[in-house]
Amino acid sequence: MEKEQQQEAYLFQVTNHHLSGAGIPPQVDDKQAGRYLGYFENEYSEQLIFIYDYSSGQGTLYLGDADWATAYPVQDGKAADLLLGNSELLWLTACWKAATCVNLKPKT
């Protein structure tokens, strides 16, 4: 039983830091297989979530300061129509590179 509890224990948990006007944040967990998940919080406590789906090869970015409900597509490590700060750009680039690295893709 203890091993089951360890497997279900949170590894990382974070709360929404944005005001209600930012919308409802996406509910992300790792139970859906085949995805790379990334989280970032900048120096202003603005939160970003990156999800890469291995089966579709699609990346998606969610930002609390740009309406949580809007899913921004990410291509080649860049999110069109978004103005990101330097730290956010570096983080997104790192997520993209990690997610699209051939050695990290799950075996099917």
PDB file of N, CA and C in Angstrom:
ATOM      1  N   MET A   1       0.823  -1.201   0.000  1.00  0.00           N
ATOM      2  CA  MET A   1       0.000   0.000   0.000  1.00  0.00           C
ATOM      3  C   MET A   1       0.864   1.261   0.000  1.00  0.00           C
ATOM      4  N   GLU A   2       1.962   1.245   0.713  1.00  0.00           N
ATOM      5  CA  GLU A   2       2.829   2.418   0.789  1.00  0.00           C
ATOM      6  C   GLU A   2       3.381   2.784  -0.582  1.00  0.00           C
ATOM      7  N   LYS A   3       3.736   1.775  -1.380  1.00  0.00           N
ATOM      8  CA  LYS A   3       4.251   2.038  -2.715  1.00  0.00           C
ATOM      9  C   LYS A   3       3.183   2.702  -3.580  1.00  0.00           C
ATOM     10  N   GLU A   4       1.935   2.284  -3.473  1.00  0.00           N
ATOM     11  CA  GLU A   4       0.848   2.910  -4.221  1.00  0.00           C
ATOM     12  C   GLU A   4       0.692   4.366  -3.823  1.00  0.00           C
ATOM     13  N   GLN A   5       0.794   4.658  -2.542  1.00  0.00           N
ATOM     14  CA  GLN A   5       0.666   6.039  -2.082  1.00  0.00           C
ATOM     15  C   GLN A   5       1.804   6.886  -2.617  1.00  0.00           C
ATOM     16  N   GLN A   6       3.007   6.345  -2.662  1.00  0.00           N
ATOM     17  CA  GLN A   6       4.140   7.086  -3.203  1.00  0.00           C
ATOM     18  C   GLN A   6       3.926   7.398  -4.676  1.00  0.00           C
ATOM     19  N   GLN A   7       3.399   6.465  -5.439  1.00  0.00           N
ATOM     20  CA  GLN A   7       3.186   6.679  -6.865  1.00  0.00           C
ATOM     21  C   GLN A   7       2.132   7.745  -7.119  1.00  0.00           C
ATOM     22  N   GLU A   8       1.170   7.881  -6.258  1.00  0.00           N
ATOM     23  CA  GLU A   8       0.098   8.862  -6.434  1.00  0.00           C
ATOM     24  C   GLU A   8       0.406  10.205  -5.772  1.00  0.00           C
ATOM     25  N   ALA A   9       1.518  10.305  -5.058  1.00  0.00           N
ATOM     26  CA  ALA A   9       1.868  11.554  -4.383  1.00  0.00           C
ATOM     27  C   ALA A   9       2.285  12.607  -5.407  1.00  0.00           C
ATOM     28  N   TYR A  10       1.963  13.850  -5.123  1.00  0.00           N
ATOM     29  CA  TYR A  10       2.363  14.936  -6.017  1.00  0.00           C
ATOM     30  C   TYR A  10       3.875  15.060  -6.020  1.00  0.00           C
ATOM     31  N   LEU A  11       4.407  15.235  -7.192  1.00  0.00           N
ATOM     32  CA  LEU A  11       5.817  15.528  -7.333  1.00  0.00           C
ATOM     33  C   LEU A  11       6.025  17.044  -7.326  1.00  0.00           C
ATOM     34  N   PHE A  12       5.053  17.738  -7.933  1.00  0.00           N
ATOM     35  CA  PHE A  12       5.115  19.193  -8.038  1.00  0.00           C
ATOM     36  C   PHE A  12       3.686  19.707  -8.088  1.00  0.00           C
ATOM     37  N   GLN A  13       3.397  20.720  -7.296  1.00  0.00           N
ATOM     38  CA  GLN A  13       2.051  21.289  -7.285  1.00  0.00           C
ATOM     39  C   GLN A  13       2.177  22.800  -7.142  1.00  0.00           C
ATOM     40  N   VAL A  14       1.381  23.537  -7.907  1.00  0.00           N
ATOM     41  CA  VAL A  14       1.448  25.002  -7.866  1.00  0.00           C
ATOM     42  C   VAL A  14       0.034  25.563  -7.984  1.00  0.00           C
ATOM     43  N   THR A  15      -0.194  26.702  -7.354  1.00  0.00           N
ATOM     44  CA  THR A  15      -1.500  27.351  -7.427  1.00  0.00           C
ATOM     45  C   THR A  15      -1.466  28.500  -8.436  1.00  0.00           C
ATOM     46  N   ASN A  16      -2.626  28.923  -8.856  1.00  0.00           N
ATOM     47  CA  ASN A  16      -2.776  30.035  -9.778  1.00  0.00           C
ATOM     48  C   ASN A  16      -2.465  31.336  -9.036  1.00  0.00           C
ATOM     49  N   HIS A  17      -1.586  32.156  -9.604  1.00  0.00           N
ATOM     50  CA  HIS A  17      -1.217  33.434  -8.988  1.00  0.00           C
ATOM     51  C   HIS A  17      -1.907  34.623  -9.644  1.00  0.00           C
ATOM     52  N   HIS A  18      -2.725  34.369 -10.647  1.00  0.00           N
ATOM     53  CA  HIS A  18      -3.353  35.458 -11.399  1.00  0.00           C
ATOM     54  C   HIS A  18      -4.736  35.796 -10.848  1.00  0.00           C
ATOM     55  N   LEU A  19      -5.172  37.015 -11.094  1.00  0.00           N
ATOM     56  CA  LEU A  19      -6.492  37.449 -10.671  1.00  0.00           C
ATOM     57  C   LEU A  19      -7.574  36.735 -11.478  1.00  0.00           C
ATOM     58  N   SER A  20      -8.796  36.781 -10.995  1.00  0.00           N
ATOM     59  CA  SER A  20      -9.894  36.069 -11.652  1.00  0.00           C
ATOM     60  C   SER A  20     -10.113  36.529 -13.095  1.00  0.00           C
ATOM     61  N   GLY A  21      -9.750  37.752 -13.417  1.00  0.00           N
ATOM     62  CA  GLY A  21      -9.898  38.257 -14.776  1.00  0.00           C
ATOM     63  C   GLY A  21      -9.040  37.527 -15.796  1.00  0.00           C
ATOM     64  N   ALA A  22      -8.054  36.773 -15.322  1.00  0.00           N
ATOM     65  CA  ALA A  22      -7.188  36.012 -16.228  1.00  0.00           C
ATOM     66  C   ALA A  22      -7.861  34.736 -16.717  1.00  0.00           C
ATOM     67  N   GLY A  23      -9.035  34.437 -16.183  1.00  0.00           N
ATOM     68  CA  GLY A  23      -9.739  33.228 -16.596  1.00  0.00           C
ATOM     69  C   GLY A  23      -9.358  32.027 -15.755  1.00  0.00           C
ATOM     70  N   ILE A  24      -9.901  30.903 -16.141  1.00  0.00           N
ATOM     71  CA  ILE A  24      -9.656  29.661 -15.416  1.00  0.00           C
ATOM     72  C   ILE A  24      -8.410  28.998 -15.998  1.00  0.00           C
ATOM     73  N   PRO A  25      -7.422  28.719 -15.165  1.00  0.00           N
ATOM     74  CA  PRO A  25      -6.196  28.105 -15.680  1.00  0.00           C
ATOM     75  C   PRO A  25      -6.441  26.669 -16.136  1.00  0.00           C
ATOM     76  N   PRO A  26      -5.636  26.211 -17.083  1.00  0.00           N
ATOM     77  CA  PRO A  26      -5.786  24.826 -17.521  1.00  0.00           C
ATOM     78  C   PRO A  26      -5.428  23.876 -16.380  1.00  0.00           C
ATOM     79  N   GLN A  27      -6.130  22.770 -16.309  1.00  0.00           N
ATOM     80  CA  GLN A  27      -5.836  21.742 -15.314  1.00  0.00           C
ATOM     81  C   GLN A  27      -4.957  20.697 -15.992  1.00  0.00           C
ATOM     82  N   VAL A  28      -3.704  20.656 -15.617  1.00  0.00           N
ATOM     83  CA  VAL A  28      -2.729  19.800 -16.288  1.00  0.00           C
ATOM     84  C   VAL A  28      -2.220  18.758 -15.306  1.00  0.00           C
ATOM     85  N   ASP A  29      -2.241  17.504 -15.734  1.00  0.00           N
ATOM     86  CA  ASP A  29      -1.605  16.446 -14.952  1.00  0.00           C
ATOM     87  C   ASP A  29      -0.871  15.524 -15.907  1.00  0.00           C
ATOM     88  N   ASP A  30      -0.133  14.613 -15.344  1.00  0.00           N
ATOM     89  CA  ASP A  30       0.684  13.724 -16.170  1.00  0.00           C
ATOM     90  C   ASP A  30       0.002  12.393 -16.479  1.00  0.00           C
ATOM     91  N   LYS A  31      -1.271  12.280 -16.197  1.00  0.00           N
ATOM     92  CA  LYS A  31      -1.971  11.014 -16.425  1.00  0.00           C
ATOM     93  C   LYS A  31      -2.234  10.760 -17.903  1.00  0.00           C
ATOM     94  N   GLN A  32      -2.227  11.797 -18.706  1.00  0.00           N
ATOM     95  CA  GLN A  32      -2.350  11.625 -20.149  1.00  0.00           C
ATOM     96  C   GLN A  32      -0.945  11.401 -20.703  1.00  0.00           C
ATOM     97  N   ALA A  33      -0.688  10.199 -21.167  1.00  0.00           N
ATOM     98  CA  ALA A  33       0.651   9.832 -21.629  1.00  0.00           C
ATOM     99  C   ALA A  33       1.006  10.532 -22.933  1.00  0.00           C
ATOM    100  N   GLY A  34       2.295  10.556 -23.241  1.00  0.00           N
ATOM    101  CA  GLY A  34       2.749  11.061 -24.521  1.00  0.00           C
ATOM    102  C   GLY A  34       2.848  12.566 -24.628  1.00  0.00           C
ATOM    103  N   ARG A  35       3.072  13.207 -23.488  1.00  0.00           N
ATOM    104  CA  ARG A  35       3.188  14.667 -23.507  1.00  0.00           C
ATOM    105  C   ARG A  35       4.404  15.112 -22.704  1.00  0.00           C
ATOM    106  N   TYR A  36       4.991  16.201 -23.136  1.00  0.00           N
ATOM    107  CA  TYR A  36       6.023  16.900 -22.372  1.00  0.00           C
ATOM    108  C   TYR A  36       5.328  18.067 -21.696  1.00  0.00           C
ATOM    109  N   LEU A  37       5.568  18.249 -20.410  1.00  0.00           N
ATOM    110  CA  LEU A  37       4.939  19.334 -19.654  1.00  0.00           C
ATOM    111  C   LEU A  37       6.012  20.253 -19.082  1.00  0.00           C
ATOM    112  N   GLY A  38       5.807  21.553 -19.210  1.00  0.00           N
ATOM    113  CA  GLY A  38       6.742  22.517 -18.654  1.00  0.00           C
ATOM    114  C   GLY A  38       5.995  23.641 -17.943  1.00  0.00           C
ATOM    115  N   TYR A  39       6.574  24.112 -16.836  1.00  0.00           N
ATOM    116  CA  TYR A  39       5.985  25.203 -16.058  1.00  0.00           C
ATOM    117  C   TYR A  39       7.053  26.256 -15.824  1.00  0.00           C
ATOM    118  N   PHE A  40       6.642  27.527 -15.881  1.00  0.00           N
ATOM    119  CA  PHE A  40       7.564  28.636 -15.631  1.00  0.00           C
ATOM    120  C   PHE A  40       6.825  29.756 -14.917  1.00  0.00           C
ATOM    121  N   GLU A  41       7.530  30.397 -14.015  1.00  0.00           N
ATOM    122  CA  GLU A  41       7.015  31.600 -13.356  1.00  0.00           C
ATOM    123  C   GLU A  41       8.114  32.648 -13.422  1.00  0.00           C
ATOM    124  N   ASN A  42       7.802  33.803 -14.015  1.00  0.00           N
ATOM    125  CA  ASN A  42       8.816  34.843 -14.153  1.00  0.00           C
ATOM    126  C   ASN A  42       8.933  35.673 -12.871  1.00  0.00           C
ATOM    127  N   GLU A  43       9.753  36.667 -12.935  1.00  0.00           N
ATOM    128  CA  GLU A  43      10.040  37.495 -11.752  1.00  0.00           C
ATOM    129  C   GLU A  43       8.844  38.321 -11.290  1.00  0.00           C
ATOM    130  N   TYR A  44       7.800  38.405 -12.104  1.00  0.00           N
ATOM    131  CA  TYR A  44       6.587  39.136 -11.737  1.00  0.00           C
ATOM    132  C   TYR A  44       5.465  38.189 -11.306  1.00  0.00           C
ATOM    133  N   SER A  45       5.797  36.945 -11.085  1.00  0.00           N
ATOM    134  CA  SER A  45       4.849  35.877 -10.722  1.00  0.00           C
ATOM    135  C   SER A  45       3.858  35.555 -11.830  1.00  0.00           C
ATOM    136  N   GLU A  46       4.176  35.940 -13.066  1.00  0.00           N
ATOM    137  CA  GLU A  46       3.352  35.548 -14.205  1.00  0.00           C
ATOM    138  C   GLU A  46       3.697  34.098 -14.543  1.00  0.00           C
ATOM    139  N   GLN A  47       2.670  33.297 -14.752  1.00  0.00           N
ATOM    140  CA  GLN A  47       2.856  31.863 -14.935  1.00  0.00           C
ATOM    141  C   GLN A  47       2.614  31.450 -16.379  1.00  0.00           C
ATOM    142  N   LEU A  48       3.400  30.487 -16.831  1.00  0.00           N
ATOM    143  CA  LEU A  48       3.284  29.942 -18.174  1.00  0.00           C
ATOM    144  C   LEU A  48       3.321  28.427 -18.100  1.00  0.00           C
ATOM    145  N   ILE A  49       2.555  27.775 -18.962  1.00  0.00           N
ATOM    146  CA  ILE A  49       2.546  26.322 -19.045  1.00  0.00           C
ATOM    147  C   ILE A  49       2.742  25.942 -20.505  1.00  0.00           C
ATOM    148  N   PHE A  50       3.677  25.033 -20.739  1.00  0.00           N
ATOM    149  CA  PHE A  50       3.949  24.529 -22.080  1.00  0.00           C
ATOM    150  C   PHE A  50       3.603  23.049 -22.122  1.00  0.00           C
ATOM    151  N   ILE A  51       2.871  22.652 -23.160  1.00  0.00           N
ATOM    152  CA  ILE A  51       2.522  21.245 -23.363  1.00  0.00           C
ATOM    153  C   ILE A  51       2.899  20.870 -24.787  1.00  0.00           C
ATOM    154  N   TYR A  52       3.658  19.779 -24.913  1.00  0.00           N
ATOM    155  CA  TYR A  52       4.004  19.269 -26.233  1.00  0.00           C
ATOM    156  C   TYR A  52       3.418  17.876 -26.360  1.00  0.00           C
ATOM    157  N   ASP A  53       2.637  17.665 -27.407  1.00  0.00           N
ATOM    158  CA  ASP A  53       2.014  16.372 -27.652  1.00  0.00           C
ATOM    159  C   ASP A  53       2.869  15.614 -28.665  1.00  0.00           C
ATOM    160  N   TYR A  54       3.455  14.493 -28.218  1.00  0.00           N
ATOM    161  CA  TYR A  54       4.352  13.737 -29.095  1.00  0.00           C
ATOM    162  C   TYR A  54       3.636  13.138 -30.298  1.00  0.00           C
ATOM    163  N   SER A  55       2.402  12.702 -30.135  1.00  0.00           N
ATOM    164  CA  SER A  55       1.706  12.051 -31.245  1.00  0.00           C
ATOM    165  C   SER A  55       1.372  13.034 -32.367  1.00  0.00           C
ATOM    166  N   SER A  56       1.029  14.255 -32.026  1.00  0.00           N
ATOM    167  CA  SER A  56       0.689  15.241 -33.053  1.00  0.00           C
ATOM    168  C   SER A  56       1.867  16.128 -33.437  1.00  0.00           C
ATOM    169  N   GLY A  57       2.905  16.157 -32.588  1.00  0.00           N
ATOM    170  CA  GLY A  57       4.042  17.038 -32.842  1.00  0.00           C
ATOM    171  C   GLY A  57       3.708  18.503 -32.628  1.00  0.00           C
ATOM    172  N   GLN A  58       2.665  18.759 -31.833  1.00  0.00           N
ATOM    173  CA  GLN A  58       2.195  20.122 -31.595  1.00  0.00           C
ATOM    174  C   GLN A  58       2.572  20.612 -30.199  1.00  0.00           C
ATOM    175  N   GLY A  59       3.012  21.853 -30.131  1.00  0.00           N
ATOM    176  CA  GLY A  59       3.271  22.508 -28.860  1.00  0.00           C
ATOM    177  C   GLY A  59       2.200  23.555 -28.596  1.00  0.00           C
ATOM    178  N   THR A  60       1.862  23.725 -27.316  1.00  0.00           N
ATOM    179  CA  THR A  60       0.852  24.697 -26.914  1.00  0.00           C
ATOM    180  C   THR A  60       1.349  25.439 -25.685  1.00  0.00           C
ATOM    181  N   LEU A  61       1.090  26.739 -25.663  1.00  0.00           N
ATOM    182  CA  LEU A  61       1.506  27.577 -24.548  1.00  0.00           C
ATOM    183  C   LEU A  61       0.284  28.256 -23.942  1.00  0.00           C
ATOM    184  N   TYR A  62       0.209  28.241 -22.614  1.00  0.00           N
ATOM    185  CA  TYR A  62      -0.841  28.933 -21.866  1.00  0.00           C
ATOM    186  C   TYR A  62      -0.162  29.947 -20.959  1.00  0.00           C
ATOM    187  N   LEU A  63      -0.742  31.155 -20.870  1.00  0.00           N
ATOM    188  CA  LEU A  63      -0.184  32.220 -20.038  1.00  0.00           C
ATOM    189  C   LEU A  63      -1.282  32.835 -19.192  1.00  0.00           C
ATOM    190  N   GLY A  64      -1.009  33.019 -17.927  1.00  0.00           N
ATOM    191  CA  GLY A  64      -1.983  33.638 -17.046  1.00  0.00           C
ATOM    192  C   GLY A  64      -2.214  35.105 -17.354  1.00  0.00           C
ATOM    193  N   ASP A  65      -1.197  35.786 -17.862  1.00  0.00           N
ATOM    194  CA  ASP A  65      -1.374  37.213 -18.144  1.00  0.00           C
ATOM    195  C   ASP A  65      -1.876  37.455 -19.568  1.00  0.00           C
ATOM    196  N   ALA A  66      -2.218  36.392 -20.287  1.00  0.00           N
ATOM    197  CA  ALA A  66      -2.764  36.527 -21.639  1.00  0.00           C
ATOM    198  C   ALA A  66      -3.992  35.633 -21.799  1.00  0.00           C
ATOM    199  N   ASP A  67      -4.811  35.567 -20.769  1.00  0.00           N
ATOM    200  CA  ASP A  67      -6.036  34.771 -20.733  1.00  0.00           C
ATOM    201  C   ASP A  67      -5.725  33.276 -20.741  1.00  0.00           C
ATOM    202  N   TRP A  68      -5.807  32.687 -19.570  1.00  0.00           N
ATOM    203  CA  TRP A  68      -5.518  31.257 -19.402  1.00  0.00           C
ATOM    204  C   TRP A  68      -6.242  30.394 -20.432  1.00  0.00           C
ATOM    205  N   ALA A  69      -7.442  30.763 -20.837  1.00  0.00           N
ATOM    206  CA  ALA A  69      -8.248  29.917 -21.718  1.00  0.00           C
ATOM    207  C   ALA A  69      -7.723  29.864 -23.152  1.00  0.00           C
ATOM    208  N   THR A  70      -6.848  30.783 -23.519  1.00  0.00           N
ATOM    209  CA  THR A  70      -6.329  30.820 -24.882  1.00  0.00           C
ATOM    210  C   THR A  70      -5.116  29.907 -25.007  1.00  0.00           C
ATOM    211  N   ALA A  71      -5.201  28.978 -25.933  1.00  0.00           N
ATOM    212  CA  ALA A  71      -4.090  28.067 -26.214  1.00  0.00           C
ATOM    213  C   ALA A  71      -3.301  28.626 -27.398  1.00  0.00           C
ATOM    214  N   TYR A  72      -2.060  29.019 -27.154  1.00  0.00           N
ATOM    215  CA  TYR A  72      -1.216  29.578 -28.206  1.00  0.00           C
ATOM    216  C   TYR A  72      -0.358  28.477 -28.817  1.00  0.00           C
ATOM    217  N   PRO A  73      -0.457  28.277 -30.127  1.00  0.00           N
ATOM    218  CA  PRO A  73       0.376  27.257 -30.760  1.00  0.00           C
ATOM    219  C   PRO A  73       1.850  27.654 -30.730  1.00  0.00           C
ATOM    220  N   VAL A  74       2.704  26.655 -30.577  1.00  0.00           N
ATOM    221  CA  VAL A  74       4.147  26.869 -30.563  1.00  0.00           C
ATOM    222  C   VAL A  74       4.745  26.067 -31.710  1.00  0.00           C
ATOM    223  N   GLN A  75       5.507  26.741 -32.556  1.00  0.00           N
ATOM    224  CA  GLN A  75       6.198  26.116 -33.677  1.00  0.00           C
ATOM    225  C   GLN A  75       7.668  26.483 -33.610  1.00  0.00           C
ATOM    226  N   ASP A  76       8.524  25.512 -33.718  1.00  0.00           N
ATOM    227  CA  ASP A  76       9.969  25.742 -33.688  1.00  0.00           C
ATOM    228  C   ASP A  76      10.399  26.570 -32.476  1.00  0.00           C
ATOM    229  N   GLY A  77       9.725  26.360 -31.356  1.00  0.00           N
ATOM    230  CA  GLY A  77      10.078  27.036 -30.119  1.00  0.00           C
ATOM    231  C   GLY A  77       9.574  28.456 -30.004  1.00  0.00           C
ATOM    232  N   LYS A  78       8.707  28.877 -30.914  1.00  0.00           N
ATOM    233  CA  LYS A  78       8.198  30.253 -30.898  1.00  0.00           C
ATOM    234  C   LYS A  78       6.671  30.249 -30.883  1.00  0.00           C
ATOM    235  N   ALA A  79       6.118  31.174 -30.123  1.00  0.00           N
ATOM    236  CA  ALA A  79       4.662  31.352 -30.063  1.00  0.00           C
ATOM    237  C   ALA A  79       4.321  32.632 -30.816  1.00  0.00           C
ATOM    238  N   ALA A  80       3.657  32.479 -31.948  1.00  0.00           N
ATOM    239  CA  ALA A  80       3.281  33.642 -32.763  1.00  0.00           C
ATOM    240  C   ALA A  80       2.277  34.492 -32.004  1.00  0.00           C
ATOM    241  N   ASP A  81       2.272  35.761 -32.292  1.00  0.00           N
ATOM    242  CA  ASP A  81       1.317  36.716 -31.717  1.00  0.00           C
ATOM    243  C   ASP A  81       1.499  36.955 -30.226  1.00  0.00           C
ATOM    244  N   LEU A  82       2.627  36.564 -29.675  1.00  0.00           N
ATOM    245  CA  LEU A  82       2.894  36.819 -28.256  1.00  0.00           C
ATOM    246  C   LEU A  82       4.207  37.571 -28.106  1.00  0.00           C
ATOM    247  N   LEU A  83       4.199  38.536 -27.228  1.00  0.00           N
ATOM    248  CA  LEU A  83       5.418  39.255 -26.887  1.00  0.00           C
ATOM    249  C   LEU A  83       5.900  38.709 -25.554  1.00  0.00           C
ATOM    250  N   LEU A  84       6.968  37.929 -25.587  1.00  0.00           N
ATOM    251  CA  LEU A  84       7.503  37.316 -24.377  1.00  0.00           C
ATOM    252  C   LEU A  84       8.788  38.015 -23.963  1.00  0.00           C
ATOM    253  N   GLY A  85       9.039  38.036 -22.666  1.00  0.00           N
ATOM    254  CA  GLY A  85      10.280  38.582 -22.137  1.00  0.00           C
ATOM    255  C   GLY A  85      11.433  37.624 -22.389  1.00  0.00           C
ATOM    256  N   ASN A  86      12.656  38.091 -22.143  1.00  0.00           N
ATOM    257  CA  ASN A  86      13.841  37.270 -22.386  1.00  0.00           C
ATOM    258  C   ASN A  86      13.827  35.957 -21.612  1.00  0.00           C
ATOM    259  N   SER A  87      13.493  36.012 -20.332  1.00  0.00           N
ATOM    260  CA  SER A  87      13.497  34.779 -19.532  1.00  0.00           C
ATOM    261  C   SER A  87      12.422  33.812 -20.031  1.00  0.00           C
ATOM    262  N   GLU A  88      11.296  34.332 -20.453  1.00  0.00           N
ATOM    263  CA  GLU A  88      10.218  33.487 -20.978  1.00  0.00           C
ATOM    264  C   GLU A  88      10.630  32.849 -22.307  1.00  0.00           C
ATOM    265  N   LEU A  89      11.283  33.627 -23.158  1.00  0.00           N
ATOM    266  CA  LEU A  89      11.765  33.095 -24.434  1.00  0.00           C
ATOM    267  C   LEU A  89      12.806  31.996 -24.228  1.00  0.00           C
ATOM    268  N   LEU A  90      13.721  32.220 -23.307  1.00  0.00           N
ATOM    269  CA  LEU A  90      14.735  31.201 -23.012  1.00  0.00           C
ATOM    270  C   LEU A  90      14.095  29.921 -22.497  1.00  0.00           C
ATOM    271  N   TRP A  91      13.142  30.066 -21.597  1.00  0.00           N
ATOM    272  CA  TRP A  91      12.453  28.902 -21.044  1.00  0.00           C
ATOM    273  C   TRP A  91      11.695  28.159 -22.137  1.00  0.00           C
ATOM    274  N   LEU A  92      10.944  28.888 -22.983  1.00  0.00           N
ATOM    275  CA  LEU A  92      10.172  28.246 -24.039  1.00  0.00           C
ATOM    276  C   LEU A  92      11.091  27.526 -25.024  1.00  0.00           C
ATOM    277  N   THR A  93      12.201  28.135 -25.363  1.00  0.00           N
ATOM    278  CA  THR A  93      13.178  27.494 -26.254  1.00  0.00           C
ATOM    279  C   THR A  93      13.714  26.216 -25.635  1.00  0.00           C
ATOM    280  N   ALA A  94      14.024  26.267 -24.350  1.00  0.00           N
ATOM    281  CA  ALA A  94      14.525  25.071 -23.658  1.00  0.00           C
ATOM    282  C   ALA A  94      13.470  23.966 -23.634  1.00  0.00           C
ATOM    283  N   CYS A  95      12.221  24.323 -23.377  1.00  0.00           N
ATOM    284  CA  CYS A  95      11.137  23.332 -23.389  1.00  0.00           C
ATOM    285  C   CYS A  95      11.005  22.702 -24.770  1.00  0.00           C
ATOM    286  N   TRP A  96      11.020  23.533 -25.796  1.00  0.00           N
ATOM    287  CA  TRP A  96      10.865  23.034 -27.159  1.00  0.00           C
ATOM    288  C   TRP A  96      11.997  22.061 -27.507  1.00  0.00           C
ATOM    289  N   LYS A  97      13.215  22.453 -27.173  1.00  0.00           N
ATOM    290  CA  LYS A  97      14.365  21.597 -27.482  1.00  0.00           C
ATOM    291  C   LYS A  97      14.286  20.282 -26.715  1.00  0.00           C
ATOM    292  N   ALA A  98      13.902  20.345 -25.459  1.00  0.00           N
ATOM    293  CA  ALA A  98      13.782  19.118 -24.669  1.00  0.00           C
ATOM    294  C   ALA A  98      12.671  18.230 -25.211  1.00  0.00           C
ATOM    295  N   ALA A  99      11.550  18.817 -25.577  1.00  0.00           N
ATOM    296  CA  ALA A  99      10.400  18.045 -26.048  1.00  0.00           C
ATOM    297  C   ALA A  99      10.647  17.433 -27.418  1.00  0.00           C
ATOM    298  N   THR A 100      11.395  18.103 -28.255  1.00  0.00           N
ATOM    299  CA  THR A 100      11.573  17.626 -29.623  1.00  0.00           C
ATOM    300  C   THR A 100      12.881  16.870 -29.829  1.00  0.00           C
ATOM    301  N   CYS A 101      13.637  16.673 -28.769  1.00  0.00           N
ATOM    302  CA  CYS A 101      14.870  15.901 -28.839  1.00  0.00           C
ATOM    303  C   CYS A 101      14.507  14.441 -29.157  1.00  0.00           C
ATOM    304  N   VAL A 102      15.069  13.893 -30.183  1.00  0.00           N
ATOM    305  CA  VAL A 102      14.734  12.537 -30.643  1.00  0.00           C
ATOM    306  C   VAL A 102      14.899  11.517 -29.534  1.00  0.00           C
ATOM    307  N   ASN A 103      15.899  11.664 -28.702  1.00  0.00           N
ATOM    308  CA  ASN A 103      16.165  10.673 -27.649  1.00  0.00           C
ATOM    309  C   ASN A 103      15.129  10.691 -26.538  1.00  0.00           C
ATOM    310  N   LEU A 104      14.358  11.761 -26.409  1.00  0.00           N
ATOM    311  CA  LEU A 104      13.391  11.854 -25.326  1.00  0.00           C
ATOM    312  C   LEU A 104      11.991  11.405 -25.721  1.00  0.00           C
ATOM    313  N   LYS A 105      11.735  11.252 -27.000  1.00  0.00           N
ATOM    314  CA  LYS A 105      10.391  10.876 -27.432  1.00  0.00           C
ATOM    315  C   LYS A 105      10.073   9.471 -26.931  1.00  0.00           C
ATOM    316  N   PRO A 106       8.893   9.287 -26.350  1.00  0.00           N
ATOM    317  CA  PRO A 106       8.543   7.968 -25.836  1.00  0.00           C
ATOM    318  C   PRO A 106       8.417   6.951 -26.958  1.00  0.00           C
ATOM    319  N   LYS A 107       8.780   5.723 -26.635  1.00  0.00           N
ATOM    320  CA  LYS A 107       8.670   4.644 -27.612  1.00  0.00           C
ATOM    321  C   LYS A 107       7.224   4.218 -27.726  1.00  0.00           C
ATOM    322  N   THR A 108       6.810   3.936 -28.952  1.00  0.00           N
ATOM    323  CA  THR A 108       5.423   3.500 -29.174  1.00  0.00           C
ATOM    324  C   THR A 108       5.345   2.019 -29.440  1.00  0.00           C
TER     325      THR A 108
END
